[in-house]
PDB file of N, CA and C in Angstrom:
ATOM      1  N   MET A   1      23.173 180.238-163.660  1.00  0.00           N
ATOM      2  CA  MET A   1      24.404 179.680-164.180  1.00  0.00           C
ATOM      3  C   MET A   1      25.309 179.214-163.037  1.00  0.00           C
ATOM      4  N   LYS A   2      25.294 179.941-161.932  1.00  0.00           N
ATOM      5  CA  LYS A   2      26.142 179.558-160.806  1.00  0.00           C
ATOM      6  C   LYS A   2      25.683 178.242-160.194  1.00  0.00           C
ATOM      7  N   LEU A   3      24.351 178.026-160.137  1.00  0.00           N
ATOM      8  CA  LEU A   3      23.850 176.784-159.557  1.00  0.00           C
ATOM      9  C   LEU A   3      24.248 175.583-160.400  1.00  0.00           C
ATOM     10  N   LYS A   4      24.282 175.749-161.720  1.00  0.00           N
ATOM     11  CA  LYS A   4      24.703 174.642-162.580  1.00  0.00           C
ATOM     12  C   LYS A   4      26.168 174.293-162.319  1.00  0.00           C
ATOM     13  N   ALA A   5      27.006 175.299-162.140  1.00  0.00           N
ATOM     14  CA  ALA A   5      28.428 175.054-161.878  1.00  0.00           C
ATOM     15  C   ALA A   5      28.618 174.390-160.515  1.00  0.00           C
ATOM     16  N   ILE A   6      27.897 174.867-159.508  1.00  0.00           N
ATOM     17  CA  ILE A   6      27.996 174.276-158.170  1.00  0.00           C
ATOM     18  C   ILE A   6      27.497 172.833-158.198  1.00  0.00           C
ATOM     19  N   GLY A   7      26.387 172.590-158.888  1.00  0.00           N
ATOM     20  CA  GLY A   7      25.872 171.230-159.011  1.00  0.00           C
ATOM     21  C   GLY A   7      26.847 170.303-159.699  1.00  0.00           C
ATOM     22  N   PHE A   8      27.490 170.787-160.754  1.00  0.00           N
ATOM     23  CA  PHE A   8      28.477 169.972-161.478  1.00  0.00           C
ATOM     24  C   PHE A   8      29.669 169.628-160.582  1.00  0.00           C
ATOM     25  N   ILE A   9      30.137 170.594-159.809  1.00  0.00           N
ATOM     26  CA  ILE A   9      31.271 170.350-158.904  1.00  0.00           C
ATOM     27  C   ILE A   9      30.890 169.320-157.842  1.00  0.00           C
ATOM     28  N   ILE A  10      29.672 169.400-157.308  1.00  0.00           N
ATOM     29  CA  ILE A  10      29.228 168.434-156.303  1.00  0.00           C
ATOM     30  C   ILE A  10      29.113 167.040-156.915  1.00  0.00           C
ATOM     31  N   ILE A  11      28.660 166.953-158.173  1.00  0.00           N
ATOM     32  CA  ILE A  11      28.576 165.658-158.848  1.00  0.00           C
ATOM     33  C   ILE A  11      29.963 165.042-159.005  1.00  0.00           C
ATOM     34  N   VAL A  12      30.929 165.843-159.432  1.00  0.00           N
ATOM     35  CA  VAL A  12      32.300 165.339-159.601  1.00  0.00           C
ATOM     36  C   VAL A  12      32.868 164.895-158.253  1.00  0.00           C
ATOM     37  N   LEU A  13      32.644 165.685-157.200  1.00  0.00           N
ATOM     38  CA  LEU A  13      33.095 165.285-155.862  1.00  0.00           C
ATOM     39  C   LEU A  13      32.414 163.994-155.408  1.00  0.00           C
ATOM     40  N   GLY A  14      31.140 163.840-155.745  1.00  0.00           N
ATOM     41  CA  GLY A  14      30.422 162.618-155.400  1.00  0.00           C
ATOM     42  C   GLY A  14      31.029 161.396-156.054  1.00  0.00           C
ATOM     43  N   PHE A  15      31.394 161.521-157.345  1.00  0.00           N
ATOM     44  CA  PHE A  15      32.049 160.402-158.015  1.00  0.00           C
ATOM     45  C   PHE A  15      33.398 160.088-157.365  1.00  0.00           C
ATOM     46  N   ALA A  16      34.141 161.122-157.000  1.00  0.00           N
ATOM     47  CA  ALA A  16      35.437 160.905-156.350  1.00  0.00           C
ATOM     48  C   ALA A  16      35.252 160.225-154.989  1.00  0.00           C
ATOM     49  N   LEU A  17      34.249 160.641-154.224  1.00  0.00           N
ATOM     50  CA  LEU A  17      33.997 160.029-152.911  1.00  0.00           C
ATOM     51  C   LEU A  17      33.516 158.592-153.047  1.00  0.00           C
ATOM     52  N   THR A  18      32.844 158.276-154.151  1.00  0.00           N
ATOM     53  CA  THR A  18      32.379 156.910-154.377  1.00  0.00           C
ATOM     54  C   THR A  18      33.537 155.996-154.755  1.00  0.00           C
ATOM     55  N   ILE A  19      34.447 156.506-155.572  1.00  0.00           N
ATOM     56  CA  ILE A  19      35.570 155.688-156.035  1.00  0.00           C
ATOM     57  C   ILE A  19      36.633 155.542-154.946  1.00  0.00           C
ATOM     58  N   TYR A  20      37.025 156.644-154.334  1.00  0.00           N
ATOM     59  CA  TYR A  20      38.038 156.626-153.280  1.00  0.00           C
ATOM     60  C   TYR A  20      37.328 156.715-151.933  1.00  0.00           C
ATOM     61  N   THR A  21      37.278 155.606-151.215  1.00  0.00           N
ATOM     62  CA  THR A  21      36.499 155.556-149.973  1.00  0.00           C
ATOM     63  C   THR A  21      37.340 155.775-148.728  1.00  0.00           C
ATOM     64  N   GLY A  22      38.507 156.371-148.874  1.00  0.00           N
ATOM     65  CA  GLY A  22      39.318 156.677-147.708  1.00  0.00           C
ATOM     66  C   GLY A  22      40.765 156.896-148.080  1.00  0.00           C
ATOM     67  N   PHE A  23      41.556 157.289-147.084  1.00  0.00           N
ATOM     68  CA  PHE A  23      42.982 157.470-147.289  1.00  0.00           C
ATOM     69  C   PHE A  23      43.717 157.240-145.976  1.00  0.00           C
ATOM     70  N   ASP A  24      44.997 156.928-146.091  1.00  0.00           N
ATOM     71  CA  ASP A  24      45.861 156.680-144.931  1.00  0.00           C
ATOM     72  C   ASP A  24      46.940 157.746-144.866  1.00  0.00           C
ATOM     73  N   PHE A  25      47.378 158.049-143.645  1.00  0.00           N
ATOM     74  CA  PHE A  25      48.483 158.981-143.474  1.00  0.00           C
ATOM     75  C   PHE A  25      49.252 158.618-142.212  1.00  0.00           C
ATOM     76  N   LYS A  26      50.496 159.057-142.150  1.00  0.00           N
ATOM     77  CA  LYS A  26      51.346 158.807-140.991  1.00  0.00           C
ATOM     78  C   LYS A  26      51.529 160.093-140.202  1.00  0.00           C
ATOM     79  N   LYS A  27      51.587 159.942-138.891  1.00  0.00           N
ATOM     80  CA  LYS A  27      51.809 161.072-138.005  1.00  0.00           C
ATOM     81  C   LYS A  27      52.963 160.723-137.079  1.00  0.00           C
ATOM     82  N   ILE A  28      53.909 161.614-136.968  1.00  0.00           N
ATOM     83  CA  ILE A  28      55.056 161.389-136.094  1.00  0.00           C
ATOM     84  C   ILE A  28      54.703 161.901-134.697  1.00  0.00           C
ATOM     85  N   ASP A  29      54.753 160.996-133.734  1.00  0.00           N
ATOM     86  CA  ASP A  29      54.444 161.342-132.347  1.00  0.00           C
ATOM     87  C   ASP A  29      55.704 161.228-131.491  1.00  0.00           C
ATOM     88  N   LYS A  30      55.820 162.129-130.546  1.00  0.00           N
ATOM     89  CA  LYS A  30      56.941 162.108-129.603  1.00  0.00           C
ATOM     90  C   LYS A  30      56.557 161.189-128.440  1.00  0.00           C
ATOM     91  N   MET A  31      57.364 160.131-128.233  1.00  0.00           N
ATOM     92  CA  MET A  31      57.047 159.173-127.173  1.00  0.00           C
ATOM     93  C   MET A  31      57.702 159.551-125.849  1.00  0.00           C
ATOM     94  N   LYS A  32      58.993 159.768-125.867  1.00  0.00           N
ATOM     95  CA  LYS A  32      59.733 160.044-124.625  1.00  0.00           C
ATOM     96  C   LYS A  32      60.708 161.191-124.838  1.00  0.00           C
ATOM     97  N   ASP A  33      60.928 161.915-123.784  1.00  0.00           N
ATOM     98  CA  ASP A  33      61.923 162.982-123.778  1.00  0.00           C
ATOM     99  C   ASP A  33      62.898 162.660-122.653  1.00  0.00           C
ATOM    100  N   LEU A  34      64.065 162.157-123.035  1.00  0.00           N
ATOM    101  CA  LEU A  34      65.070 161.744-122.049  1.00  0.00           C
ATOM    102  C   LEU A  34      66.211 162.752-122.039  1.00  0.00           C
ATOM    103  N   GLY A  35      65.958 163.904-121.485  1.00  0.00           N
ATOM    104  CA  GLY A  35      66.986 164.942-121.431  1.00  0.00           C
ATOM    105  C   GLY A  35      67.240 165.504-122.824  1.00  0.00           C
ATOM    106  N   SER A  36      68.442 165.262-123.337  1.00  0.00           N
ATOM    107  CA  SER A  36      68.778 165.782-124.658  1.00  0.00           C
ATOM    108  C   SER A  36      68.389 164.814-125.775  1.00  0.00           C
ATOM    109  N   MET A  37      67.889 163.634-125.411  1.00  0.00           N
ATOM    110  CA  MET A  37      67.500 162.646-126.412  1.00  0.00           C
ATOM    111  C   MET A  37      65.977 162.517-126.441  1.00  0.00           C
ATOM    112  N   GLU A  38      65.428 162.448-127.640  1.00  0.00           N
ATOM    113  CA  GLU A  38      63.981 162.306-127.798  1.00  0.00           C
ATOM    114  C   GLU A  38      63.700 161.065-128.621  1.00  0.00           C
ATOM    115  N   ILE A  39      62.619 160.367-128.299  1.00  0.00           N
ATOM    116  CA  ILE A  39      62.220 159.171-129.034  1.00  0.00           C
ATOM    117  C   ILE A  39      60.896 159.467-129.743  1.00  0.00           C
ATOM    118  N   PHE A  40      60.882 159.231-131.044  1.00  0.00           N
ATOM    119  CA  PHE A  40      59.698 159.470-131.858  1.00  0.00           C
ATOM    120  C   PHE A  40      59.196 158.157-132.438  1.00  0.00           C
ATOM    121  N   THR A  41      57.930 158.100-132.754  1.00  0.00           N
ATOM    122  CA  THR A  41      57.342 156.933-133.396  1.00  0.00           C
ATOM    123  C   THR A  41      56.394 157.384-134.506  1.00  0.00           C
ATOM    124  N   ASP A  42      56.252 156.548-135.527  1.00  0.00           N
ATOM    125  CA  ASP A  42      55.306 156.812-136.611  1.00  0.00           C
ATOM    126  C   ASP A  42      54.015 156.070-136.318  1.00  0.00           C
ATOM    127  N   LYS A  43      52.918 156.796-136.313  1.00  0.00           N
ATOM    128  CA  LYS A  43      51.615 156.172-136.145  1.00  0.00           C
ATOM    129  C   LYS A  43      50.853 156.305-137.456  1.00  0.00           C
ATOM    130  N   GLU A  44      50.266 155.204-137.879  1.00  0.00           N
ATOM    131  CA  GLU A  44      49.455 155.242-139.090  1.00  0.00           C
ATOM    132  C   GLU A  44      48.005 155.490-138.707  1.00  0.00           C
ATOM    133  N   HIS A  45      47.391 156.396-139.423  1.00  0.00           N
ATOM    134  CA  HIS A  45      45.983 156.723-139.227  1.00  0.00           C
ATOM    135  C   HIS A  45      45.258 156.530-140.555  1.00  0.00           C
ATOM    136  N   SER A  46      44.001 156.205-140.482  1.00  0.00           N
ATOM    137  CA  SER A  46      43.217 156.078-141.708  1.00  0.00           C
ATOM    138  C   SER A  46      41.874 156.775-141.513  1.00  0.00           C
ATOM    139  N   ILE A  47      41.417 157.368-142.577  1.00  0.00           N
ATOM    140  CA  ILE A  47      40.105 158.001-142.598  1.00  0.00           C
ATOM    141  C   ILE A  47      39.301 157.313-143.690  1.00  0.00           C
ATOM    142  N   ASN A  48      38.173 156.744-143.326  1.00  0.00           N
ATOM    143  CA  ASN A  48      37.336 155.998-144.264  1.00  0.00           C
ATOM    144  C   ASN A  48      35.906 156.518-144.204  1.00  0.00           C
ATOM    145  N   TRP A  49      35.205 156.414-145.329  1.00  0.00           N
ATOM    146  CA  TRP A  49      33.801 156.787-145.388  1.00  0.00           C
ATOM    147  C   TRP A  49      33.084 155.801-146.289  1.00  0.00           C
ATOM    148  N   SER A  50      31.788 155.777-146.156  1.00  0.00           N
ATOM    149  CA  SER A  50      30.959 154.866-146.935  1.00  0.00           C
ATOM    150  C   SER A  50      30.790 155.399-148.356  1.00  0.00           C
ATOM    151  N   PRO A  51      30.720 154.518-149.350  1.00  0.00           N
ATOM    152  CA  PRO A  51      30.465 154.993-150.714  1.00  0.00           C
ATOM    153  C   PRO A  51      29.077 155.594-150.879  1.00  0.00           C
ATOM    154  N   PHE A  52      28.175 155.327-149.923  1.00  0.00           N
ATOM    155  CA  PHE A  52      26.846 155.922-149.993  1.00  0.00           C
ATOM    156  C   PHE A  52      26.887 157.438-149.825  1.00  0.00           C
ATOM    157  N   ILE A  53      27.915 157.945-149.167  1.00  0.00           N
ATOM    158  CA  ILE A  53      28.080 159.398-149.053  1.00  0.00           C
ATOM    159  C   ILE A  53      28.325 159.988-150.433  1.00  0.00           C
ATOM    160  N   GLY A  54      29.140 159.327-151.236  1.00  0.00           N
ATOM    161  CA  GLY A  54      29.383 159.784-152.602  1.00  0.00           C
ATOM    162  C   GLY A  54      28.138 159.703-153.461  1.00  0.00           C
ATOM    163  N   ILE A  55      27.368 158.627-153.299  1.00  0.00           N
ATOM    164  CA  ILE A  55      26.128 158.486-154.062  1.00  0.00           C
ATOM    165  C   ILE A  55      25.141 159.578-153.661  1.00  0.00           C
ATOM    166  N   GLY A  56      25.071 159.878-152.374  1.00  0.00           N
ATOM    167  CA  GLY A  56      24.199 160.967-151.911  1.00  0.00           C
ATOM    168  C   GLY A  56      24.633 162.310-152.473  1.00  0.00           C
ATOM    169  N   ALA A  57      25.945 162.534-152.551  1.00  0.00           N
ATOM    170  CA  ALA A  57      26.448 163.785-153.128  1.00  0.00           C
ATOM    171  C   ALA A  57      26.105 163.877-154.611  1.00  0.00           C
ATOM    172  N   ILE A  58      26.148 162.742-155.317  1.00  0.00           N
ATOM    173  CA  ILE A  58      25.776 162.740-156.734  1.00  0.00           C
ATOM    174  C   ILE A  58      24.303 163.118-156.892  1.00  0.00           C
ATOM    175  N   VAL A  59      23.451 162.565-156.040  1.00  0.00           N
ATOM    176  CA  VAL A  59      22.016 162.872-156.109  1.00  0.00           C
ATOM    177  C   VAL A  59      21.767 164.346-155.805  1.00  0.00           C
ATOM    178  N   VAL A  60      22.390 164.856-154.750  1.00  0.00           N
ATOM    179  CA  VAL A  60      22.211 166.268-154.384  1.00  0.00           C
ATOM    180  C   VAL A  60      22.747 167.180-155.487  1.00  0.00           C
ATOM    181  N   GLY A  61      23.904 166.848-156.046  1.00  0.00           N
ATOM    182  CA  GLY A  61      24.474 167.644-157.125  1.00  0.00           C
ATOM    183  C   GLY A  61      23.600 167.644-158.359  1.00  0.00           C
ATOM    184  N   THR A  62      22.976 166.500-158.660  1.00  0.00           N
ATOM    185  CA  THR A  62      22.076 166.421-159.809  1.00  0.00           C
ATOM    186  C   THR A  62      20.847 167.297-159.602  1.00  0.00           C
ATOM    187  N   VAL A  63      20.291 167.270-158.400  1.00  0.00           N
ATOM    188  CA  VAL A  63      19.127 168.117-158.104  1.00  0.00           C
ATOM    189  C   VAL A  63      19.495 169.590-158.229  1.00  0.00           C
ATOM    190  N   ILE A  64      20.640 169.975-157.689  1.00  0.00           N
ATOM    191  CA  ILE A  64      21.081 171.374-157.783  1.00  0.00           C
ATOM    192  C   ILE A  64      21.356 171.753-159.234  1.00  0.00           C
ATOM    193  N   PHE A  65      21.969 170.846-159.990  1.00  0.00           N
ATOM    194  CA  PHE A  65      22.301 171.114-161.386  1.00  0.00           C
ATOM    195  C   PHE A  65      21.036 171.376-162.203  1.00  0.00           C
ATOM    196  N   PHE A  66      20.019 170.529-162.026  1.00  0.00           N
ATOM    197  CA  PHE A  66      18.809 170.699-162.825  1.00  0.00           C
ATOM    198  C   PHE A  66      17.896 171.808-162.299  1.00  0.00           C
ATOM    199  N   SER A  67      17.990 172.141-161.029  1.00  0.00           N
ATOM    200  CA  SER A  67      17.194 173.264-160.529  1.00  0.00           C
ATOM    201  C   SER A  67      17.804 174.590-160.974  1.00  0.00           C
ATOM    202  N   GLY A  68      19.078 174.599-161.274  1.00  0.00           N
ATOM    203  CA  GLY A  68      19.728 175.809-161.763  1.00  0.00           C
ATOM    204  C   GLY A  68      19.422 176.089-163.215  1.00  0.00           C
ATOM    205  N   SER A  69      18.894 175.091-163.953  1.00  0.00           N
ATOM    206  CA  SER A  69      18.610 175.304-165.368  1.00  0.00           C
ATOM    207  C   SER A  69      17.209 175.850-165.603  1.00  0.00           C
ATOM    208  N   ARG A  70      16.388 175.899-164.575  1.00  0.00           N
ATOM    209  CA  ARG A  70      15.037 176.450-164.729  1.00  0.00           C
ATOM    210  C   ARG A  70      15.103 177.961-164.869  1.00  0.00           C
ATOM    211  N   LYS A  71      14.256 178.459-165.733  1.00  0.00           N
ATOM    212  CA  LYS A  71      14.161 179.904-165.897  1.00  0.00           C
ATOM    213  C   LYS A  71      12.910 180.381-165.170  1.00  0.00           C
ATOM    214  N   PRO A  72      12.999 181.492-164.468  1.00  0.00           N
ATOM    215  CA  PRO A  72      11.821 181.969-163.746  1.00  0.00           C
ATOM    216  C   PRO A  72      10.722 182.399-164.721  1.00  0.00           C
ATOM    217  N   VAL A  73       9.499 182.144-164.315  1.00  0.00           N
ATOM    218  CA  VAL A  73       8.346 182.518-165.132  1.00  0.00           C
ATOM    219  C   VAL A  73       8.004 183.964-164.826  1.00  0.00           C
ATOM    220  N   ARG A  74       7.924 184.772-165.868  1.00  0.00           N
ATOM    221  CA  ARG A  74       7.572 186.178-165.689  1.00  0.00           C
ATOM    222  C   ARG A  74       6.141 186.390-166.148  1.00  0.00           C
ATOM    223  N   MET A  75       5.352 186.979-165.287  1.00  0.00           N
ATOM    224  CA  MET A  75       3.958 187.250-165.622  1.00  0.00           C
ATOM    225  C   MET A  75       3.757 188.744-165.722  1.00  0.00           C
ATOM    226  N   ASN A  76       3.074 189.138-166.730  1.00  0.00           N
ATOM    227  CA  ASN A  76       2.769 190.553-166.883  1.00  0.00           C
ATOM    228  C   ASN A  76       1.489 190.875-166.127  1.00  0.00           C
ATOM    229  N   ALA A  77       1.465 191.988-165.466  1.00  0.00           N
ATOM    230  CA  ALA A  77       0.274 192.419-164.727  1.00  0.00           C
ATOM    231  C   ALA A  77      -0.844 192.789-165.667  1.00  0.00           C
ATOM    232  N   ASP A  78      -0.546 193.136-166.910  1.00  0.00           N
ATOM    233  CA  ASP A  78      -1.558 193.528-167.879  1.00  0.00           C
ATOM    234  C   ASP A  78      -2.432 192.342-168.296  1.00  0.00           C
ATOM    235  N   GLN A  79      -1.987 191.142-168.180  1.00  0.00           N
ATOM    236  CA  GLN A  79      -2.743 189.979-168.604  1.00  0.00           C
ATOM    237  C   GLN A  79      -3.917 189.711-167.695  1.00  0.00           C
ATOM    238  N   TYR A  80      -3.852 190.140-166.453  1.00  0.00           N
ATOM    239  CA  TYR A  80      -4.860 189.769-165.467  1.00  0.00           C
ATOM    240  C   TYR A  80      -5.791 190.929-165.112  1.00  0.00           C
ATOM    241  N   ASP A  81      -5.873 191.940-165.930  1.00  0.00           N
ATOM    242  CA  ASP A  81      -6.782 193.065-165.644  1.00  0.00           C
ATOM    243  C   ASP A  81      -8.178 192.800-166.120  1.00  0.00           C
TER     244      ASP A  81
END
């Protein structure tokens, strides 16, 4: 049951990674320190990834999801005597 839940979460993350292929954020950097006065600047950064990473996560999540649904085969020792 746990493998099915983990597989489902990976599938959902894969869809999110496929749809949203990156994000931007700003970072405040200190440029100069002139005694009691400081100068700051905003730098924009972006993090991007390929949508193939999301597709790969969907495939891996699907494999984990369906491998978690298998039930182990139990063999009785009495059958083979």
